[in-house]
Amino acid sequence: MKTFEYYKYINTLLKNQNITDNEILQDLATRRDYADLLKPVITLARQNPHADFFALKKLLFEQSKIAEEIKNLVNNLEITPGLIIDFGTEKTRDTLIYGQKQEYCLLNNIKVFNPQEMENNTIFDLASTSKIFTTLAILKLVEENRIDLFDPVQKYIPECTNLKDTTILELLKFKVYIETAIRIDKAQSPEEAEAILFTAKRDDEKNVYNAYTDIGAMLLRVVVERITNMDFNTYLEETILKPLKMEDTYLNVPCEKLSRVANENFSTIIDMNGNPLIRYDNIPGTPHDTKAIAIGHAKGIAPGHAGYFSSTKDMTKLGNALVNGTILNSELITTISENIVGEKLDDETCSWFYGSLVYAKQTDAHKLHVDSRLSGKAFLSPGFAGTTFYVDPLNKLYLFLGANRLHNRIYNVNKSQVNRIIIHPETGKKTFLLSDGTEQVISEDFTKEKEKVIVKALELSFQFQLLEKIKLPTKEKHLVRELN
């Protein structure tokens, strides 16, 4: 066994995690962390000296218990009807599929039980994962020398008179707290929604602990359109989607593919009186995000912050292109993770760290964050409807998880009604006791719970990468597993 490859790989991971512009985010993982992570590879290789790469990979997969974690998420917690996760290395990847893409459908305006299995070609509402496309569109313009990130937004959108000298970079990095005069989703037409968007103003008086907002991405979409004289969706198709042959990625999913879209309809919130407010208009192909709808999604207007739909296959094509620099200059790709916002505050806590419309590593592991063992150039793009997109350009790892966690689920309970939440001790499932005595599943812990699956997938990716170094695979292989 090539033991020296083990130590060499650990040294590479240690070096890569510290390639970051912010010292606070360095040394979050130790040599011991990496040794513990990779120990199963060495142990299994020694215990099975004659086993080939794929036999050892299978043992690592079984030992990880990732399949059991997925089944717990779907069967016991019922926190999502189903999911797909694709992970691994450039040479060997796994796609795991489990559960249902639909439990109920709307037939003649009636909710009807009509279960459909999750499939490898299922298309998901990307929600905020769509922001990665806005980031890439801006960076393509940088690569073409058509935009300067230090340009003020008003240079391209003079209607935004309240943004003062706010720059493209500040919007891209969530540097400033901005808000509109009224909610965009209150608009009665796309024209009114755009007018509301252009009322965006910055509030420099706020102590910005977390300036995450959709408004900046929505304005950046307009910047792209003003510079290119093209609608955003056309520009994206010509520069990203068609070159990468992303044939299942759409702003508006074609009618012939709507049956493949994971259903997010019947999402529910519980109001202050304990009443369920159920969405019946979020049929497959319609984005869950109400701002996306208001801005004119149905008319082909890209919102910039949400609204796109895609499949696992397409998102892994994008991940591969980003780790290899085939769609954008590699140096620009590594700037996506750079943050200019995270810092220590007076009370020794830290504000949030963000990259270019994406999440970065955080000093507080309780926040949604990039796994500390990934490189300092890794980034994460999550979507409220249930998607997660991970890219690590230095370690050449990428991951996509798709789920329909809003479908037929309560995703928010008013604080005044938490006494009606029931936690089932035998499974850990959370339900809400409705006034008619029935219970409905709550999915508000989805982000926390799905991270357990993602952590296992990332750990396997690291392990597969080391295994490739000590037991050379005879061929590239992508294994699709429909879990039973």
Protein backbone atom coordinates (compact mmCIF):
# COMPACT_ATOMS: atom_id res chain seq x y z
CA MET A 1 0.00 0.00 0.00
CA LYS A 2 1.26 3.49 -0.86
CA THR A 3 1.31 4.88 2.70
CA PHE A 4 3.24 7.97 1.58
CA GLU A 5 0.22 8.97 -0.53
CA TYR A 6 -1.83 9.09 2.68
CA TYR A 7 0.51 11.59 4.36
CA LYS A 8 0.94 13.56 1.14
CA TYR A 9 -2.83 13.85 0.74
CA ILE A 10 -3.30 15.05 4.33
CA ASN A 11 -0.62 17.70 3.79
CA THR A 12 -2.43 18.85 0.64
CA LEU A 13 -5.75 19.12 2.46
CA LEU A 14 -4.13 21.06 5.32
CA LYS A 15 -2.56 23.47 2.86
CA ASN A 16 -5.74 23.92 0.81
CA GLN A 17 -7.97 24.68 3.81
CA ASN A 18 -5.77 27.67 4.63
CA ILE A 19 -5.82 29.18 1.15
CA THR A 20 -8.21 31.92 2.17
CA ASP A 21 -7.95 35.69 2.45
CA ASN A 22 -9.38 35.72 5.96
CA GLU A 23 -7.14 34.51 8.79
CA ILE A 24 -10.17 33.90 11.02
CA LEU A 25 -11.18 31.07 8.69
CA GLN A 26 -7.78 29.36 8.74
CA ASP A 27 -6.92 26.23 10.76
CA LEU A 28 -10.57 25.33 11.35
CA ALA A 29 -9.62 21.68 10.72
CA THR A 30 -6.60 19.97 12.28
CA ARG A 31 -4.25 17.25 11.10
CA ARG A 32 -6.07 14.93 13.51
CA ASP A 33 -9.40 15.78 11.86
CA TYR A 34 -8.04 14.71 8.47
CA ALA A 35 -6.37 11.62 9.92
CA ASP A 36 -9.65 10.51 11.51
CA LEU A 37 -11.49 11.22 8.27
CA LEU A 38 -9.13 9.10 6.17
CA LYS A 39 -8.36 6.33 8.66
CA PRO A 40 -11.12 4.02 7.31
CA VAL A 41 -9.40 3.98 3.90
CA ILE A 42 -6.07 2.84 5.35
CA THR A 43 -7.71 0.32 7.69
CA LEU A 44 -9.81 -1.32 4.97
CA ALA A 45 -6.90 -1.38 2.52
CA ARG A 46 -4.73 -3.20 5.07
CA GLN A 47 -7.49 -5.61 6.04
CA ASN A 48 -8.21 -6.41 2.39
CA PRO A 49 -4.80 -6.32 0.63
CA HIS A 50 -6.05 -8.11 -2.49
CA ALA A 51 -9.25 -6.12 -2.94
CA ASP A 52 -9.41 -3.82 -5.95
CA PHE A 53 -10.49 -0.17 -5.92
CA PHE A 54 -14.19 -0.79 -6.46
CA ALA A 55 -14.41 -3.50 -3.78
CA LEU A 56 -12.83 -1.14 -1.24
CA LYS A 57 -15.05 1.71 -2.39
CA LYS A 58 -18.10 -0.46 -1.75
CA LEU A 59 -16.87 -1.26 1.75
CA LEU A 60 -16.33 2.44 2.48
CA PHE A 61 -19.82 3.21 1.24
CA GLU A 62 -21.41 0.55 3.44
CA GLN A 63 -19.35 1.58 6.46
CA SER A 64 -20.41 5.23 6.09
CA LYS A 65 -24.11 4.40 6.73
CA ILE A 66 -25.10 7.19 4.32
CA ALA A 67 -27.96 5.10 2.96
CA GLU A 68 -29.33 4.65 6.46
CA GLU A 69 -29.05 8.41 7.10
CA ILE A 70 -31.05 9.14 3.94
CA LYS A 71 -33.73 6.63 4.89
CA ASN A 72 -33.97 8.16 8.36
CA LEU A 73 -34.49 11.58 6.80
CA VAL A 74 -37.29 10.35 4.55
CA ASN A 75 -38.89 7.48 6.49
CA ASN A 76 -38.53 8.43 10.15
CA LEU A 77 -38.26 12.22 10.25
CA GLU A 78 -40.38 12.51 7.07
CA ILE A 79 -38.69 15.88 6.66
CA THR A 80 -38.81 15.55 2.88
CA PRO A 81 -40.76 13.17 0.62
CA GLY A 82 -37.56 12.18 -1.20
CA LEU A 83 -34.11 13.24 -2.31
CA ILE A 84 -31.23 12.70 -4.72
CA ILE A 85 -27.60 13.31 -3.88
CA ASP A 86 -24.68 13.12 -6.30
CA PHE A 87 -21.13 13.16 -4.92
CA GLY A 88 -17.65 11.71 -5.34
CA THR A 89 -14.57 12.60 -7.33
CA GLU A 90 -13.94 13.43 -10.96
CA LYS A 91 -13.28 9.75 -11.69
CA THR A 92 -15.79 7.94 -9.51
CA ARG A 93 -19.19 9.31 -8.53
CA ASP A 94 -22.29 8.00 -6.79
CA THR A 95 -25.88 9.12 -7.26
CA LEU A 96 -28.25 8.00 -4.50
CA ILE A 97 -32.01 8.18 -5.07
CA TYR A 98 -34.70 7.61 -2.47
CA GLY A 99 -38.31 8.44 -1.73
CA GLN A 100 -40.94 10.26 -3.77
CA LYS A 101 -40.93 13.33 -5.96
CA GLN A 102 -44.66 13.67 -5.30
CA GLU A 103 -47.15 12.52 -2.68
CA TYR A 104 -50.22 14.47 -3.81
CA CYS A 105 -51.22 16.35 -6.95
CA LEU A 106 -53.89 18.91 -7.76
CA LEU A 107 -56.62 17.41 -9.95
CA ASN A 108 -59.63 19.56 -10.82
CA ASN A 109 -58.61 21.86 -7.96
CA ILE A 110 -58.74 18.95 -5.51
CA LYS A 111 -55.74 17.55 -3.60
CA VAL A 112 -55.44 13.93 -4.70
CA PHE A 113 -53.11 11.20 -3.40
CA ASN A 114 -50.88 10.33 -6.35
CA PRO A 115 -47.42 9.16 -5.24
CA GLN A 116 -44.56 9.18 -7.76
CA GLU A 117 -41.07 7.85 -7.19
CA MET A 118 -38.02 10.09 -7.22
CA GLU A 119 -36.04 9.42 -10.40
CA ASN A 120 -32.53 10.10 -11.64
CA ASN A 121 -33.84 12.69 -14.12
CA THR A 122 -36.08 14.55 -11.64
CA ILE A 123 -35.99 18.34 -12.07
CA PHE A 124 -35.89 20.55 -8.96
CA ASP A 125 -36.86 24.12 -8.09
CA LEU A 126 -33.39 25.57 -7.39
CA ALA A 127 -34.74 28.58 -5.45
CA SER A 128 -31.69 30.50 -4.14
CA THR A 129 -29.29 28.01 -5.70
CA SER A 130 -30.19 30.02 -8.83
CA LYS A 131 -27.98 32.80 -7.44
CA ILE A 132 -24.91 30.90 -8.67
CA PHE A 133 -26.02 31.70 -12.23
CA THR A 134 -26.14 35.41 -11.42
CA THR A 135 -22.64 35.18 -9.93
CA LEU A 136 -21.33 33.42 -13.04
CA ALA A 137 -23.01 35.94 -15.36
CA ILE A 138 -21.31 38.84 -13.55
CA LEU A 139 -17.94 37.07 -13.56
CA LYS A 140 -18.25 36.30 -17.28
CA LEU A 141 -18.61 40.03 -17.87
CA VAL A 142 -15.53 40.61 -15.71
CA GLU A 143 -13.64 38.02 -17.76
CA GLU A 144 -14.69 39.84 -20.95
CA ASN A 145 -13.61 43.22 -19.48
CA ARG A 146 -17.15 44.53 -19.85
CA ILE A 147 -17.64 45.42 -16.22
CA ASP A 148 -15.61 46.64 -13.26
CA LEU A 149 -16.77 45.27 -9.90
CA PHE A 150 -16.01 48.64 -8.33
CA ASP A 151 -18.46 50.40 -10.64
CA PRO A 152 -21.45 51.91 -8.84
CA VAL A 153 -24.75 50.16 -9.50
CA GLN A 154 -26.23 53.49 -10.62
CA LYS A 155 -23.88 53.51 -13.61
CA TYR A 156 -26.04 50.75 -15.10
CA ILE A 157 -29.34 51.35 -13.27
CA PRO A 158 -29.69 55.13 -12.91
CA GLU A 159 -33.23 54.56 -11.62
CA CYS A 160 -31.72 53.32 -8.33
CA THR A 161 -31.28 56.81 -6.91
CA ASN A 162 -31.26 55.59 -3.30
CA LEU A 163 -28.20 53.34 -3.63
CA LYS A 164 -25.76 56.26 -3.50
CA ASP A 165 -22.30 54.95 -4.40
CA THR A 166 -23.08 51.25 -3.74
CA THR A 167 -20.86 49.10 -5.98
CA ILE A 168 -21.40 45.91 -7.93
CA LEU A 169 -18.92 44.22 -5.60
CA GLU A 170 -20.88 45.24 -2.49
CA LEU A 171 -24.05 43.66 -3.87
CA LEU A 172 -22.18 40.56 -5.01
CA LYS A 173 -20.64 40.01 -1.57
CA PHE A 174 -23.63 40.96 0.66
CA LYS A 175 -21.59 43.88 1.97
CA VAL A 176 -24.42 46.36 2.47
CA TYR A 177 -27.84 46.05 4.06
CA ILE A 178 -30.40 47.00 1.41
CA GLU A 179 -34.18 46.91 1.32
CA THR A 180 -37.04 48.14 -0.87
CA ALA A 181 -39.74 50.60 0.11
CA ILE A 182 -42.39 47.84 0.10
CA ARG A 183 -42.31 44.11 -0.52
CA ILE A 184 -41.77 43.15 -4.15
CA ASP A 185 -44.23 40.27 -3.91
CA LYS A 186 -46.99 42.79 -3.18
CA ALA A 187 -46.74 44.03 -6.79
CA GLN A 188 -49.69 43.46 -9.12
CA SER A 189 -47.57 43.34 -12.30
CA PRO A 190 -43.95 42.80 -13.40
CA GLU A 191 -43.71 46.52 -14.19
CA GLU A 192 -44.76 47.43 -10.65
CA ALA A 193 -42.38 44.80 -9.21
CA GLU A 194 -39.47 46.32 -11.13
CA ALA A 195 -40.41 49.81 -9.96
CA ILE A 196 -40.40 48.56 -6.37
CA LEU A 197 -37.01 46.90 -6.94
CA PHE A 198 -35.57 50.21 -8.08
CA THR A 199 -36.57 51.80 -4.75
CA ALA A 200 -33.80 49.72 -3.11
CA LYS A 201 -31.83 51.70 -0.58
CA ARG A 202 -28.92 50.96 1.72
CA ASP A 203 -29.12 51.45 5.49
CA ASP A 204 -25.67 52.28 6.79
CA GLU A 205 -27.01 52.87 10.31
CA LYS A 206 -27.67 49.18 10.91
CA ASN A 207 -25.06 47.10 12.72
CA VAL A 208 -24.75 44.53 9.94
CA TYR A 209 -24.42 41.09 11.47
CA ASN A 210 -25.97 39.42 8.46
CA ALA A 211 -26.72 41.37 5.26
CA TYR A 212 -27.94 38.39 3.23
CA THR A 213 -30.64 39.57 0.84
CA ASP A 214 -32.32 38.60 -2.43
CA ILE A 215 -32.53 42.23 -3.57
CA GLY A 216 -28.83 42.52 -4.49
CA ALA A 217 -29.00 39.48 -6.79
CA MET A 218 -32.18 40.84 -8.39
CA LEU A 219 -30.42 44.13 -9.16
CA LEU A 220 -27.34 42.35 -10.51
CA ARG A 221 -29.56 40.53 -12.99
CA VAL A 222 -30.67 43.91 -14.29
CA VAL A 223 -27.02 45.03 -14.51
CA VAL A 224 -26.26 42.02 -16.71
CA GLU A 225 -29.19 42.84 -19.00
CA ARG A 226 -28.23 46.51 -19.29
CA ILE A 227 -24.62 45.68 -20.23
CA THR A 228 -25.38 42.86 -22.68
CA ASN A 229 -28.59 44.28 -24.19
CA MET A 230 -29.98 40.77 -23.77
CA ASP A 231 -32.52 39.33 -21.38
CA PHE A 232 -30.74 37.49 -18.57
CA ASN A 233 -32.05 34.06 -19.51
CA THR A 234 -30.79 34.33 -23.11
CA TYR A 235 -27.38 35.49 -21.91
CA LEU A 236 -27.19 32.59 -19.46
CA GLU A 237 -28.19 30.08 -22.13
CA GLU A 238 -25.52 31.32 -24.55
CA THR A 239 -22.65 31.60 -22.05
CA ILE A 240 -23.30 28.76 -19.57
CA LEU A 241 -26.15 26.38 -20.31
CA LYS A 242 -25.57 25.58 -24.00
CA PRO A 243 -21.74 25.35 -23.78
CA LEU A 244 -22.10 22.86 -20.89
CA LYS A 245 -25.02 21.03 -22.56
CA MET A 246 -27.20 21.61 -19.51
CA GLU A 247 -30.31 20.35 -21.27
CA ASP A 248 -32.59 20.16 -18.21
CA THR A 249 -31.96 23.64 -16.79
CA TYR A 250 -34.73 26.15 -17.42
CA LEU A 251 -36.34 29.32 -16.21
CA ASN A 252 -39.62 27.94 -17.57
CA VAL A 253 -39.68 24.15 -17.82
CA PRO A 254 -41.13 22.96 -21.18
CA CYS A 255 -44.54 21.30 -20.99
CA GLU A 256 -43.12 17.95 -22.08
CA LYS A 257 -40.79 17.91 -19.04
CA LEU A 258 -43.19 19.12 -16.35
CA SER A 259 -43.97 15.55 -15.31
CA ARG A 260 -40.33 15.23 -14.24
CA VAL A 261 -40.44 18.22 -11.85
CA ALA A 262 -40.42 17.42 -8.12
CA ASN A 263 -43.68 18.67 -6.62
CA GLU A 264 -43.37 21.50 -4.04
CA ASN A 265 -47.11 22.24 -3.88
CA PHE A 266 -49.15 22.27 -0.66
CA SER A 267 -46.40 23.92 1.39
CA THR A 268 -47.83 25.29 4.63
CA ILE A 269 -47.20 27.89 7.31
CA ILE A 270 -49.02 28.09 10.63
CA ASP A 271 -50.23 31.59 11.47
CA MET A 272 -50.49 33.25 14.88
CA ASN A 273 -53.95 31.76 15.40
CA GLY A 274 -52.81 28.23 14.64
CA ASN A 275 -54.43 28.15 11.21
CA PRO A 276 -52.66 26.39 8.32
CA LEU A 277 -52.05 28.62 5.31
CA ILE A 278 -51.60 26.19 2.42
CA ARG A 279 -50.22 26.99 -1.05
CA TYR A 280 -52.26 25.45 -3.86
CA ASP A 281 -50.73 27.47 -6.69
CA ASN A 282 -47.19 26.06 -6.51
CA ILE A 283 -47.77 23.40 -9.17
CA PRO A 284 -44.68 21.77 -10.77
CA GLY A 285 -42.83 24.28 -12.92
CA THR A 286 -43.91 27.23 -10.77
CA PRO A 287 -41.22 28.61 -8.44
CA HIS A 288 -42.05 28.66 -4.75
CA ASP A 289 -40.45 32.10 -4.35
CA THR A 290 -43.17 34.77 -4.51
CA LYS A 291 -40.77 37.55 -5.55
CA ALA A 292 -39.79 35.45 -8.56
CA ILE A 293 -43.44 35.14 -9.50
CA ALA A 294 -44.08 38.87 -9.03
CA ILE A 295 -41.10 39.95 -11.15
CA GLY A 296 -42.56 38.07 -14.14
CA HIS A 297 -41.12 34.54 -14.06
CA ALA A 298 -44.04 33.16 -16.09
CA LYS A 299 -43.29 35.74 -18.81
CA GLY A 300 -39.66 34.68 -19.03
CA ILE A 301 -38.20 37.39 -16.79
CA ALA A 302 -35.34 35.96 -14.76
CA PRO A 303 -35.50 37.17 -11.14
CA GLY A 304 -31.75 36.84 -10.51
CA HIS A 305 -32.12 35.43 -7.00
CA ALA A 306 -34.30 32.37 -7.68
CA GLY A 307 -36.56 30.91 -10.36
CA TYR A 308 -34.41 28.34 -12.16
CA PHE A 309 -35.09 24.61 -12.34
CA SER A 310 -32.47 21.94 -12.94
CA SER A 311 -31.60 18.26 -12.60
CA THR A 312 -28.85 16.46 -10.75
CA LYS A 313 -27.14 15.59 -14.03
CA ASP A 314 -27.01 19.22 -15.13
CA MET A 315 -25.83 20.59 -11.80
CA THR A 316 -23.00 18.07 -11.69
CA LYS A 317 -22.01 19.18 -15.19
CA LEU A 318 -21.78 22.69 -13.80
CA GLY A 319 -19.81 21.48 -10.78
CA ASN A 320 -17.33 19.68 -13.01
CA ALA A 321 -16.90 22.77 -15.18
CA LEU A 322 -16.24 24.95 -12.12
CA VAL A 323 -13.58 22.70 -10.60
CA ASN A 324 -11.83 22.44 -13.98
CA GLY A 325 -12.19 26.04 -15.15
CA THR A 326 -13.83 25.07 -18.44
CA ILE A 327 -16.63 27.65 -18.32
CA LEU A 328 -14.84 30.49 -16.56
CA ASN A 329 -11.23 31.43 -15.83
CA SER A 330 -10.04 29.32 -12.87
CA GLU A 331 -8.69 32.40 -11.10
CA LEU A 332 -12.11 34.03 -11.25
CA ILE A 333 -13.74 30.84 -9.94
CA THR A 334 -11.54 30.96 -6.85
CA THR A 335 -12.74 34.51 -6.15
CA ILE A 336 -16.30 33.25 -5.65
CA SER A 337 -15.44 32.14 -2.11
CA GLU A 338 -13.64 35.36 -1.17
CA ASN A 339 -15.53 37.32 1.45
CA ILE A 340 -15.31 40.97 2.45
CA VAL A 341 -17.97 40.88 5.16
CA GLY A 342 -17.11 38.36 7.87
CA GLU A 343 -15.41 39.82 10.92
CA LYS A 344 -15.21 39.64 14.68
CA LEU A 345 -17.67 41.87 16.48
CA ASP A 346 -17.23 43.73 19.76
CA ASP A 347 -18.62 40.88 21.85
CA GLU A 348 -16.15 38.43 20.25
CA THR A 349 -18.83 36.78 18.15
CA CYS A 350 -18.45 36.89 14.37
CA SER A 351 -20.74 38.23 11.69
CA TRP A 352 -21.64 35.98 8.78
CA PHE A 353 -19.04 35.17 6.13
CA TYR A 354 -20.25 35.13 2.52
CA GLY A 355 -18.72 34.85 -0.93
CA SER A 356 -20.23 35.98 -4.24
CA LEU A 357 -23.94 35.32 -3.56
CA VAL A 358 -22.85 32.07 -1.87
CA TYR A 359 -22.09 30.81 1.63
CA ALA A 360 -18.50 30.41 2.85
CA LYS A 361 -16.99 28.78 5.92
CA GLN A 362 -18.20 30.15 9.25
CA THR A 363 -16.51 30.32 12.64
CA ASP A 364 -19.77 29.18 14.25
CA ALA A 365 -20.60 25.62 13.25
CA HIS A 366 -24.26 26.18 14.17
CA LYS A 367 -24.67 28.46 11.16
CA LEU A 368 -25.16 27.11 7.66
CA HIS A 369 -21.57 26.78 6.51
CA VAL A 370 -19.06 25.17 4.19
CA ASP A 371 -17.55 22.06 5.79
CA SER A 372 -14.36 23.16 7.56
CA ARG A 373 -12.33 20.32 6.00
CA LEU A 374 -12.84 21.63 2.48
CA SER A 375 -10.45 24.15 0.96
CA GLY A 376 -10.55 27.86 1.67
CA LYS A 377 -11.89 28.35 -1.86
CA ALA A 378 -14.92 26.07 -1.44
CA PHE A 379 -18.41 27.53 -1.50
CA LEU A 380 -21.99 26.47 -0.92
CA SER A 381 -25.18 27.54 -2.71
CA PRO A 382 -28.34 26.37 -0.89
CA GLY A 383 -31.94 26.71 -2.04
CA PHE A 384 -34.98 27.12 0.22
CA ALA A 385 -37.02 24.54 -1.72
CA GLY A 386 -34.47 21.82 -0.86
CA THR A 387 -31.37 21.99 -3.08
CA THR A 388 -27.70 22.25 -2.10
CA PHE A 389 -24.76 22.84 -4.45
CA TYR A 390 -21.18 22.46 -3.16
CA VAL A 391 -18.03 23.30 -5.14
CA ASP A 392 -14.40 23.00 -4.00
CA PRO A 393 -12.18 24.11 -6.92
CA LEU A 394 -8.87 23.34 -5.14
CA ASN A 395 -9.69 19.81 -4.00
CA LYS A 396 -11.74 19.27 -7.18
CA LEU A 397 -14.84 18.08 -5.35
CA TYR A 398 -18.46 18.98 -6.06
CA LEU A 399 -21.82 17.80 -4.78
CA PHE A 400 -25.49 18.35 -5.51
CA LEU A 401 -28.47 17.43 -3.38
CA GLY A 402 -32.03 17.82 -4.62
CA ALA A 403 -35.15 17.44 -2.47
CA ASN A 404 -38.77 18.60 -2.39
CA ARG A 405 -38.91 19.39 1.30
CA LEU A 406 -41.79 21.91 1.00
CA HIS A 407 -44.22 19.47 -0.62
CA ASN A 408 -47.14 18.67 1.69
CA ARG A 409 -45.11 19.92 4.67
CA ILE A 410 -45.32 22.71 7.25
CA TYR A 411 -42.15 24.76 6.87
CA ASN A 412 -42.87 27.51 9.39
CA VAL A 413 -44.79 27.64 12.66
CA ASN A 414 -45.62 30.97 14.29
CA LYS A 415 -43.82 31.31 17.61
CA SER A 416 -47.12 31.67 19.45
CA GLN A 417 -48.09 28.14 18.36
CA VAL A 418 -44.98 26.14 19.29
CA ASN A 419 -46.86 24.49 22.18
CA ARG A 420 -48.79 22.52 19.54
CA ILE A 421 -45.66 20.95 18.08
CA ILE A 422 -45.38 17.24 18.82
CA ILE A 423 -42.01 15.45 18.78
CA HIS A 424 -42.42 11.70 18.30
CA PRO A 425 -39.80 10.04 20.56
CA GLU A 426 -39.64 6.80 18.56
CA THR A 427 -38.63 8.52 15.31
CA GLY A 428 -37.77 12.14 16.13
CA LYS A 429 -40.45 13.28 13.66
CA LYS A 430 -42.02 16.71 14.30
CA THR A 431 -45.71 17.27 13.64
CA PHE A 432 -48.16 20.07 14.31
CA LEU A 433 -51.50 19.35 15.98
CA LEU A 434 -54.18 20.97 13.83
CA SER A 435 -57.51 22.18 15.21
CA ASP A 436 -59.33 19.18 13.73
CA GLY A 437 -57.16 16.81 15.78
CA THR A 438 -55.01 15.63 12.87
CA GLU A 439 -51.25 16.09 12.65
CA GLN A 440 -49.12 17.41 9.79
CA VAL A 441 -45.37 16.92 9.36
CA ILE A 442 -43.06 19.88 9.99
CA SER A 443 -39.96 20.25 7.79
CA GLU A 444 -38.42 23.41 9.29
CA ASP A 445 -35.38 21.41 10.50
CA PHE A 446 -34.60 20.25 6.97
CA THR A 447 -31.41 22.34 6.64
CA LYS A 448 -29.95 20.97 9.86
CA GLU A 449 -30.94 17.36 9.21
CA LYS A 450 -29.90 17.15 5.54
CA GLU A 451 -26.42 18.39 6.56
CA LYS A 452 -25.89 14.99 8.20
CA VAL A 453 -26.31 13.37 4.79
CA ILE A 454 -24.09 15.96 3.11
CA VAL A 455 -21.31 15.51 5.69
CA LYS A 456 -21.26 11.77 5.04
CA ALA A 457 -21.21 12.36 1.28
CA LEU A 458 -18.29 14.81 1.57
CA GLU A 459 -16.40 12.41 3.83
CA LEU A 460 -16.86 9.63 1.29
CA SER A 461 -15.65 11.99 -1.45
CA PHE A 462 -12.43 12.64 0.46
CA GLN A 463 -12.02 8.92 1.12
CA PHE A 464 -12.63 7.99 -2.51
CA GLN A 465 -10.04 10.56 -3.55
CA LEU A 466 -7.40 9.03 -1.28
CA LEU A 467 -8.40 5.53 -2.39
CA GLU A 468 -7.74 6.57 -5.99
CA LYS A 469 -4.19 7.48 -4.98
CA ILE A 470 -3.38 4.20 -3.27
CA LYS A 471 -5.48 1.82 -5.41
CA LEU A 472 -5.66 3.14 -8.94
CA PRO A 473 -9.14 2.53 -10.43
CA THR A 474 -9.06 0.68 -13.74
CA LYS A 475 -11.79 2.90 -15.21
CA GLU A 476 -14.00 5.86 -14.48
CA LYS A 477 -17.37 4.90 -13.10
CA HIS A 478 -20.59 6.69 -12.12
CA LEU A 479 -22.81 4.43 -10.02
CA VAL A 480 -26.51 5.24 -9.69
CA ARG A 481 -28.16 3.58 -6.69
CA GLU A 482 -31.91 3.54 -6.14
CA LEU A 483 -32.01 2.81 -2.41
CA ASN A 484 -34.56 0.23 -1.29
